[in-house]
Amino acid sequence: MTKAAAPSSASAKAQALPDSYEAGLQELEQLVATLESGQMPLADLLQAYQRGSFLLSHCRGQLKAVEAQIQVLEAGSLKSWNDEA
């Protein structure tokens, strides 16, 4: 019965949000290094890949949100540094 519970807990870990963008990026970099090293057991590869895919998507989403906020600021109240008053 414990094997049936393991996939759900592994799935929950794969979907756990990092504390910050920087923490997510650092975890992603560590996962990539581990995967590239070839030292990870085959049984763990899929789980690590899923976590990496989730982290990549999460970090990209955060970057897009910040880019959208910057565009709103630039369109509304910010002026170019080269504009003369």
PDB file of N, CA and C in Angstrom:
ATOM      1  N   MET A   1       0.803  -1.191   0.000  1.00  0.00           N
ATOM      2  CA  MET A   1       0.000   0.000   0.000  1.00  0.00           C
ATOM      3  C   MET A   1       0.852   1.264   0.000  1.00  0.00           C
ATOM      4  N   THR A   2       2.034   1.200   0.540  1.00  0.00           N
ATOM      5  CA  THR A   2       2.872   2.387   0.585  1.00  0.00           C
ATOM      6  C   THR A   2       3.290   2.826  -0.808  1.00  0.00           C
ATOM      7  N   LYS A   3       3.389   1.898  -1.751  1.00  0.00           N
ATOM      8  CA  LYS A   3       3.758   2.278  -3.111  1.00  0.00           C
ATOM      9  C   LYS A   3       2.666   3.108  -3.761  1.00  0.00           C
ATOM     10  N   ALA A   4       1.411   2.879  -3.434  1.00  0.00           N
ATOM     11  CA  ALA A   4       0.334   3.666  -3.996  1.00  0.00           C
ATOM     12  C   ALA A   4       0.380   5.100  -3.471  1.00  0.00           C
ATOM     13  N   ALA A   5       0.829   5.299  -2.252  1.00  0.00           N
ATOM     14  CA  ALA A   5       0.905   6.638  -1.678  1.00  0.00           C
ATOM     15  C   ALA A   5       2.125   7.393  -2.184  1.00  0.00           C
ATOM     16  N   ALA A   6       3.157   6.699  -2.576  1.00  0.00           N
ATOM     17  CA  ALA A   6       4.391   7.347  -3.000  1.00  0.00           C
ATOM     18  C   ALA A   6       4.201   8.242  -4.219  1.00  0.00           C
ATOM     19  N   PRO A   7       3.499   7.807  -5.289  1.00  0.00           N
ATOM     20  CA  PRO A   7       3.363   8.686  -6.437  1.00  0.00           C
ATOM     21  C   PRO A   7       2.653   9.996  -6.111  1.00  0.00           C
ATOM     22  N   SER A   8       1.649   9.976  -5.235  1.00  0.00           N
ATOM     23  CA  SER A   8       0.956  11.222  -4.918  1.00  0.00           C
ATOM     24  C   SER A   8       1.854  12.167  -4.139  1.00  0.00           C
ATOM     25  N   SER A   9       2.679  11.642  -3.245  1.00  0.00           N
ATOM     26  CA  SER A   9       3.594  12.513  -2.518  1.00  0.00           C
ATOM     27  C   SER A   9       4.699  13.014  -3.445  1.00  0.00           C
ATOM     28  N   ALA A  10       5.133  12.204  -4.378  1.00  0.00           N
ATOM     29  CA  ALA A  10       6.125  12.642  -5.358  1.00  0.00           C
ATOM     30  C   ALA A  10       5.525  13.710  -6.261  1.00  0.00           C
ATOM     31  N   SER A  11       4.278  13.539  -6.627  1.00  0.00           N
ATOM     32  CA  SER A  11       3.591  14.528  -7.457  1.00  0.00           C
ATOM     33  C   SER A  11       3.448  15.846  -6.719  1.00  0.00           C
ATOM     34  N   ALA A  12       3.131  15.784  -5.438  1.00  0.00           N
ATOM     35  CA  ALA A  12       3.005  17.001  -4.641  1.00  0.00           C
ATOM     36  C   ALA A  12       4.338  17.727  -4.553  1.00  0.00           C
ATOM     37  N   LYS A  13       5.433  16.987  -4.398  1.00  0.00           N
ATOM     38  CA  LYS A  13       6.756  17.611  -4.341  1.00  0.00           C
ATOM     39  C   LYS A  13       7.099  18.246  -5.685  1.00  0.00           C
ATOM     40  N   ALA A  14       6.724  17.588  -6.776  1.00  0.00           N
ATOM     41  CA  ALA A  14       7.005  18.125  -8.100  1.00  0.00           C
ATOM     42  C   ALA A  14       6.266  19.435  -8.333  1.00  0.00           C
ATOM     43  N   GLN A  15       5.144  19.643  -7.660  1.00  0.00           N
ATOM     44  CA  GLN A  15       4.334  20.838  -7.842  1.00  0.00           C
ATOM     45  C   GLN A  15       4.546  21.884  -6.744  1.00  0.00           C
ATOM     46  N   ALA A  16       5.431  21.632  -5.795  1.00  0.00           N
ATOM     47  CA  ALA A  16       5.664  22.576  -4.698  1.00  0.00           C
ATOM     48  C   ALA A  16       6.347  23.827  -5.238  1.00  0.00           C
ATOM     49  N   LEU A  17       5.790  24.984  -4.893  1.00  0.00           N
ATOM     50  CA  LEU A  17       6.357  26.241  -5.362  1.00  0.00           C
ATOM     51  C   LEU A  17       7.635  26.584  -4.590  1.00  0.00           C
ATOM     52  N   PRO A  18       8.630  27.091  -5.290  1.00  0.00           N
ATOM     53  CA  PRO A  18       9.831  27.552  -4.593  1.00  0.00           C
ATOM     54  C   PRO A  18       9.512  28.834  -3.825  1.00  0.00           C
ATOM     55  N   ASP A  19      10.352  29.180  -2.862  1.00  0.00           N
ATOM     56  CA  ASP A  19      10.130  30.370  -2.040  1.00  0.00           C
ATOM     57  C   ASP A  19      10.230  31.665  -2.841  1.00  0.00           C
ATOM     58  N   SER A  20      11.063  31.657  -3.875  1.00  0.00           N
ATOM     59  CA  SER A  20      11.253  32.862  -4.686  1.00  0.00           C
ATOM     60  C   SER A  20      11.702  32.456  -6.085  1.00  0.00           C
ATOM     61  N   TYR A  21      11.763  33.441  -6.980  1.00  0.00           N
ATOM     62  CA  TYR A  21      12.268  33.185  -8.329  1.00  0.00           C
ATOM     63  C   TYR A  21      13.703  32.673  -8.258  1.00  0.00           C
ATOM     64  N   GLU A  22      14.501  33.327  -7.435  1.00  0.00           N
ATOM     65  CA  GLU A  22      15.913  32.955  -7.312  1.00  0.00           C
ATOM     66  C   GLU A  22      16.080  31.544  -6.765  1.00  0.00           C
ATOM     67  N   ALA A  23      15.246  31.181  -5.797  1.00  0.00           N
ATOM     68  CA  ALA A  23      15.307  29.826  -5.236  1.00  0.00           C
ATOM     69  C   ALA A  23      14.907  28.799  -6.288  1.00  0.00           C
ATOM     70  N   GLY A  24      13.906  29.115  -7.083  1.00  0.00           N
ATOM     71  CA  GLY A  24      13.480  28.208  -8.149  1.00  0.00           C
ATOM     72  C   GLY A  24      14.555  28.038  -9.200  1.00  0.00           C
ATOM     73  N   LEU A  25      15.190  29.143  -9.566  1.00  0.00           N
ATOM     74  CA  LEU A  25      16.261  29.083 -10.557  1.00  0.00           C
ATOM     75  C   LEU A  25      17.449  28.279 -10.042  1.00  0.00           C
ATOM     76  N   GLN A  26      17.785  28.475  -8.774  1.00  0.00           N
ATOM     77  CA  GLN A  26      18.903  27.730  -8.180  1.00  0.00           C
ATOM     78  C   GLN A  26      18.585  26.231  -8.144  1.00  0.00           C
ATOM     79  N   GLU A  27      17.367  25.886  -7.747  1.00  0.00           N
ATOM     80  CA  GLU A  27      16.986  24.469  -7.708  1.00  0.00           C
ATOM     81  C   GLU A  27      17.006  23.874  -9.113  1.00  0.00           C
ATOM     82  N   LEU A  28      16.541  24.635 -10.094  1.00  0.00           N
ATOM     83  CA  LEU A  28      16.554  24.166 -11.476  1.00  0.00           C
ATOM     84  C   LEU A  28      17.981  23.929 -11.963  1.00  0.00           C
ATOM     85  N   GLU A  29      18.882  24.842 -11.654  1.00  0.00           N
ATOM     86  CA  GLU A  29      20.283  24.681 -12.049  1.00  0.00           C
ATOM     87  C   GLU A  29      20.905  23.444 -11.404  1.00  0.00           C
ATOM     88  N   GLN A  30      20.567  23.196 -10.140  1.00  0.00           N
ATOM     89  CA  GLN A  30      21.089  22.009  -9.460  1.00  0.00           C
ATOM     90  C   GLN A  30      20.533  20.732 -10.087  1.00  0.00           C
ATOM     91  N   LEU A  31      19.247  20.749 -10.437  1.00  0.00           N
ATOM     92  CA  LEU A  31      18.650  19.579 -11.085  1.00  0.00           C
ATOM     93  C   LEU A  31      19.313  19.291 -12.424  1.00  0.00           C
ATOM     94  N   VAL A  32      19.530  20.329 -13.205  1.00  0.00           N
ATOM     95  CA  VAL A  32      20.166  20.149 -14.515  1.00  0.00           C
ATOM     96  C   VAL A  32      21.568  19.573 -14.351  1.00  0.00           C
ATOM     97  N   ALA A  33      22.323  20.093 -13.397  1.00  0.00           N
ATOM     98  CA  ALA A  33      23.679  19.577 -13.158  1.00  0.00           C
ATOM     99  C   ALA A  33      23.641  18.117 -12.751  1.00  0.00           C
ATOM    100  N   THR A  34      22.693  17.758 -11.898  1.00  0.00           N
ATOM    101  CA  THR A  34      22.570  16.366 -11.453  1.00  0.00           C
ATOM    102  C   THR A  34      22.184  15.464 -12.610  1.00  0.00           C
ATOM    103  N   LEU A  35      21.230  15.911 -13.424  1.00  0.00           N
ATOM    104  CA  LEU A  35      20.806  15.110 -14.573  1.00  0.00           C
ATOM    105  C   LEU A  35      21.946  14.935 -15.572  1.00  0.00           C
ATOM    106  N   GLU A  36      22.685  16.002 -15.816  1.00  0.00           N
ATOM    107  CA  GLU A  36      23.792  15.934 -16.771  1.00  0.00           C
ATOM    108  C   GLU A  36      24.955  15.094 -16.274  1.00  0.00           C
ATOM    109  N   SER A  37      25.081  14.965 -14.964  1.00  0.00           N
ATOM    110  CA  SER A  37      26.205  14.200 -14.418  1.00  0.00           C
ATOM    111  C   SER A  37      26.060  12.705 -14.690  1.00  0.00           C
ATOM    112  N   GLY A  38      24.845  12.253 -14.900  1.00  0.00           N
ATOM    113  CA  GLY A  38      24.614  10.832 -15.130  1.00  0.00           C
ATOM    114  C   GLY A  38      24.683   9.996 -13.862  1.00  0.00           C
ATOM    115  N   GLN A  39      24.701  10.633 -12.723  1.00  0.00           N
ATOM    116  CA  GLN A  39      24.835   9.917 -11.454  1.00  0.00           C
ATOM    117  C   GLN A  39      23.491   9.640 -10.780  1.00  0.00           C
ATOM    118  N   MET A  40      22.407  10.050 -11.387  1.00  0.00           N
ATOM    119  CA  MET A  40      21.092   9.866 -10.784  1.00  0.00           C
ATOM    120  C   MET A  40      20.552   8.487 -11.153  1.00  0.00           C
ATOM    121  N   PRO A  41      19.998   7.770 -10.187  1.00  0.00           N
ATOM    122  CA  PRO A  41      19.402   6.465 -10.493  1.00  0.00           C
ATOM    123  C   PRO A  41      18.247   6.608 -11.485  1.00  0.00           C
ATOM    124  N   LEU A  42      18.095   5.639 -12.326  1.00  0.00           N
ATOM    125  CA  LEU A  42      17.066   5.673 -13.357  1.00  0.00           C
ATOM    126  C   LEU A  42      15.679   5.902 -12.763  1.00  0.00           C
ATOM    127  N   ALA A  43      15.411   5.316 -11.625  1.00  0.00           N
ATOM    128  CA  ALA A  43      14.100   5.452 -10.996  1.00  0.00           C
ATOM    129  C   ALA A  43      13.792   6.905 -10.618  1.00  0.00           C
ATOM    130  N   ASP A  44      14.812   7.713 -10.406  1.00  0.00           N
ATOM    131  CA  ASP A  44      14.611   9.106 -10.001  1.00  0.00           C
ATOM    132  C   ASP A  44      14.612  10.086 -11.168  1.00  0.00           C
ATOM    133  N   LEU A  45      15.022   9.634 -12.343  1.00  0.00           N
ATOM    134  CA  LEU A  45      15.161  10.539 -13.483  1.00  0.00           C
ATOM    135  C   LEU A  45      13.843  11.190 -13.890  1.00  0.00           C
ATOM    136  N   LEU A  46      12.792  10.426 -13.989  1.00  0.00           N
ATOM    137  CA  LEU A  46      11.509  10.972 -14.419  1.00  0.00           C
ATOM    138  C   LEU A  46      11.004  12.009 -13.416  1.00  0.00           C
ATOM    139  N   GLN A  47      11.112  11.694 -12.145  1.00  0.00           N
ATOM    140  CA  GLN A  47      10.672  12.625 -11.105  1.00  0.00           C
ATOM    141  C   GLN A  47      11.477  13.933 -11.172  1.00  0.00           C
ATOM    142  N   ALA A  48      12.776  13.823 -11.364  1.00  0.00           N
ATOM    143  CA  ALA A  48      13.623  15.014 -11.460  1.00  0.00           C
ATOM    144  C   ALA A  48      13.281  15.823 -12.710  1.00  0.00           C
ATOM    145  N   TYR A  49      13.011  15.137 -13.802  1.00  0.00           N
ATOM    146  CA  TYR A  49      12.638  15.819 -15.039  1.00  0.00           C
ATOM    147  C   TYR A  49      11.314  16.566 -14.863  1.00  0.00           C
ATOM    148  N   GLN A  50      10.349  15.925 -14.219  1.00  0.00           N
ATOM    149  CA  GLN A  50       9.056  16.570 -13.973  1.00  0.00           C
ATOM    150  C   GLN A  50       9.220  17.811 -13.106  1.00  0.00           C
ATOM    151  N   ARG A  51      10.033  17.711 -12.068  1.00  0.00           N
ATOM    152  CA  ARG A  51      10.272  18.858 -11.191  1.00  0.00           C
ATOM    153  C   ARG A  51      10.954  19.984 -11.970  1.00  0.00           C
ATOM    154  N   GLY A  52      11.932  19.626 -12.774  1.00  0.00           N
ATOM    155  CA  GLY A  52      12.623  20.627 -13.578  1.00  0.00           C
ATOM    156  C   GLY A  52      11.690  21.319 -14.562  1.00  0.00           C
ATOM    157  N   SER A  53      10.823  20.561 -15.183  1.00  0.00           N
ATOM    158  CA  SER A  53       9.854  21.121 -16.123  1.00  0.00           C
ATOM    159  C   SER A  53       8.915  22.087 -15.406  1.00  0.00           C
ATOM    160  N   PHE A  54       8.467  21.702 -14.211  1.00  0.00           N
ATOM    161  CA  PHE A  54       7.596  22.572 -13.424  1.00  0.00           C
ATOM    162  C   PHE A  54       8.320  23.856 -13.033  1.00  0.00           C
ATOM    163  N   LEU A  55       9.567  23.735 -12.569  1.00  0.00           N
ATOM    164  CA  LEU A  55      10.337  24.915 -12.160  1.00  0.00           C
ATOM    165  C   LEU A  55      10.583  25.857 -13.336  1.00  0.00           C
ATOM    166  N   LEU A  56      10.890  25.295 -14.492  1.00  0.00           N
ATOM    167  CA  LEU A  56      11.119  26.107 -15.677  1.00  0.00           C
ATOM    168  C   LEU A  56       9.864  26.893 -16.039  1.00  0.00           C
ATOM    169  N   SER A  57       8.732  26.224 -16.029  1.00  0.00           N
ATOM    170  CA  SER A  57       7.466  26.878 -16.335  1.00  0.00           C
ATOM    171  C   SER A  57       7.144  27.961 -15.308  1.00  0.00           C
ATOM    172  N   HIS A  58       7.358  27.664 -14.050  1.00  0.00           N
ATOM    173  CA  HIS A  58       7.083  28.624 -12.984  1.00  0.00           C
ATOM    174  C   HIS A  58       7.973  29.865 -13.111  1.00  0.00           C
ATOM    175  N   CYS A  59       9.256  29.670 -13.341  1.00  0.00           N
ATOM    176  CA  CYS A  59      10.185  30.799 -13.471  1.00  0.00           C
ATOM    177  C   CYS A  59       9.857  31.636 -14.704  1.00  0.00           C
ATOM    178  N   ARG A  60       9.532  30.988 -15.820  1.00  0.00           N
ATOM    179  CA  ARG A  60       9.143  31.727 -17.024  1.00  0.00           C
ATOM    180  C   ARG A  60       7.887  32.557 -16.761  1.00  0.00           C
ATOM    181  N   GLY A  61       6.937  31.989 -16.050  1.00  0.00           N
ATOM    182  CA  GLY A  61       5.718  32.711 -15.719  1.00  0.00           C
ATOM    183  C   GLY A  61       5.991  33.945 -14.875  1.00  0.00           C
ATOM    184  N   GLN A  62       6.889  33.808 -13.914  1.00  0.00           N
ATOM    185  CA  GLN A  62       7.240  34.949 -13.080  1.00  0.00           C
ATOM    186  C   GLN A  62       7.925  36.046 -13.901  1.00  0.00           C
ATOM    187  N   LEU A  63       8.803  35.655 -14.805  1.00  0.00           N
ATOM    188  CA  LEU A  63       9.474  36.635 -15.660  1.00  0.00           C
ATOM    189  C   LEU A  63       8.475  37.364 -16.554  1.00  0.00           C
ATOM    190  N   LYS A  64       7.531  36.632 -17.128  1.00  0.00           N
ATOM    191  CA  LYS A  64       6.521  37.255 -17.985  1.00  0.00           C
ATOM    192  C   LYS A  64       5.660  38.234 -17.200  1.00  0.00           C
ATOM    193  N   ALA A  65       5.330  37.893 -15.965  1.00  0.00           N
ATOM    194  CA  ALA A  65       4.528  38.783 -15.129  1.00  0.00           C
ATOM    195  C   ALA A  65       5.282  40.082 -14.838  1.00  0.00           C
ATOM    196  N   VAL A  66       6.557  39.979 -14.554  1.00  0.00           N
ATOM    197  CA  VAL A  66       7.358  41.170 -14.284  1.00  0.00           C
ATOM    198  C   VAL A  66       7.500  42.009 -15.555  1.00  0.00           C
ATOM    199  N   GLU A  67       7.733  41.360 -16.690  1.00  0.00           N
ATOM    200  CA  GLU A  67       7.831  42.087 -17.961  1.00  0.00           C
ATOM    201  C   GLU A  67       6.542  42.842 -18.250  1.00  0.00           C
ATOM    202  N   ALA A  68       5.397  42.229 -17.990  1.00  0.00           N
ATOM    203  CA  ALA A  68       4.112  42.883 -18.213  1.00  0.00           C
ATOM    204  C   ALA A  68       3.952  44.095 -17.303  1.00  0.00           C
ATOM    205  N   GLN A  69       4.378  43.981 -16.064  1.00  0.00           N
ATOM    206  CA  GLN A  69       4.298  45.107 -15.139  1.00  0.00           C
ATOM    207  C   GLN A  69       5.197  46.257 -15.587  1.00  0.00           C
ATOM    208  N   ILE A  70       6.375  45.933 -16.082  1.00  0.00           N
ATOM    209  CA  ILE A  70       7.296  46.963 -16.572  1.00  0.00           C
ATOM    210  C   ILE A  70       6.704  47.671 -17.777  1.00  0.00           C
ATOM    211  N   GLN A  71       6.082  46.915 -18.674  1.00  0.00           N
ATOM    212  CA  GLN A  71       5.461  47.526 -19.850  1.00  0.00           C
ATOM    213  C   GLN A  71       4.340  48.477 -19.449  1.00  0.00           C
ATOM    214  N   VAL A  72       3.568  48.113 -18.441  1.00  0.00           N
ATOM    215  CA  VAL A  72       2.502  48.989 -17.960  1.00  0.00           C
ATOM    216  C   VAL A  72       3.099  50.265 -17.393  1.00  0.00           C
ATOM    217  N   LEU A  73       4.158  50.127 -16.601  1.00  0.00           N
ATOM    218  CA  LEU A  73       4.806  51.306 -16.033  1.00  0.00           C
ATOM    219  C   LEU A  73       5.382  52.214 -17.116  1.00  0.00           C
ATOM    220  N   GLU A  74       6.035  51.621 -18.087  1.00  0.00           N
ATOM    221  CA  GLU A  74       6.639  52.408 -19.160  1.00  0.00           C
ATOM    222  C   GLU A  74       5.573  53.109 -19.993  1.00  0.00           C
ATOM    223  N   ALA A  75       4.467  52.471 -20.225  1.00  0.00           N
ATOM    224  CA  ALA A  75       3.406  53.056 -21.033  1.00  0.00           C
ATOM    225  C   ALA A  75       2.668  54.162 -20.284  1.00  0.00           C
ATOM    226  N   GLY A  76       2.651  54.061 -18.970  1.00  0.00           N
ATOM    227  CA  GLY A  76       1.870  55.016 -18.196  1.00  0.00           C
ATOM    228  C   GLY A  76       2.631  56.223 -17.714  1.00  0.00           C
ATOM    229  N   SER A  77       3.585  56.023 -16.865  1.00  0.00           N
ATOM    230  CA  SER A  77       4.177  57.178 -16.188  1.00  0.00           C
ATOM    231  C   SER A  77       5.673  57.349 -16.393  1.00  0.00           C
ATOM    232  N   LEU A  78       6.351  56.341 -16.851  1.00  0.00           N
ATOM    233  CA  LEU A  78       7.799  56.465 -17.002  1.00  0.00           C
ATOM    234  C   LEU A  78       8.143  57.107 -18.341  1.00  0.00           C
ATOM    235  N   LYS A  79       9.185  57.888 -18.331  1.00  0.00           N
ATOM    236  CA  LYS A  79       9.653  58.518 -19.555  1.00  0.00           C
ATOM    237  C   LYS A  79      11.063  58.034 -19.852  1.00  0.00           C
ATOM    238  N   SER A  80      11.428  58.121 -21.095  1.00  0.00           N
ATOM    239  CA  SER A  80      12.764  57.723 -21.508  1.00  0.00           C
ATOM    240  C   SER A  80      13.799  58.625 -20.854  1.00  0.00           C
ATOM    241  N   TRP A  81      14.954  58.089 -20.566  1.00  0.00           N
ATOM    242  CA  TRP A  81      16.032  58.861 -19.954  1.00  0.00           C
ATOM    243  C   TRP A  81      16.513  59.960 -20.912  1.00  0.00           C
ATOM    244  N   ASN A  82      16.296  59.758 -22.208  1.00  0.00           N
ATOM    245  CA  ASN A  82      16.786  60.714 -23.197  1.00  0.00           C
ATOM    246  C   ASN A  82      15.798  61.847 -23.460  1.00  0.00           C
ATOM    247  N   ASP A  83      14.560  61.728 -22.990  1.00  0.00           N
ATOM    248  CA  ASP A  83      13.582  62.777 -23.188  1.00  0.00           C
ATOM    249  C   ASP A  83      13.968  63.999 -22.378  1.00  0.00           C
ATOM    250  N   GLU A  84      13.827  65.160 -22.994  1.00  0.00           N
ATOM    251  CA  GLU A  84      14.131  66.389 -22.268  1.00  0.00           C
ATOM    252  C   GLU A  84      12.839  66.984 -21.765  1.00  0.00           C
ATOM    253  N   ALA A  85      12.878  67.471 -20.558  1.00  0.00           N
ATOM    254  CA  ALA A  85      11.670  68.006 -19.925  1.00  0.00           C
ATOM    255  C   ALA A  85      11.379  69.402 -20.377  1.00  0.00           C
TER     256      ALA A  85
END
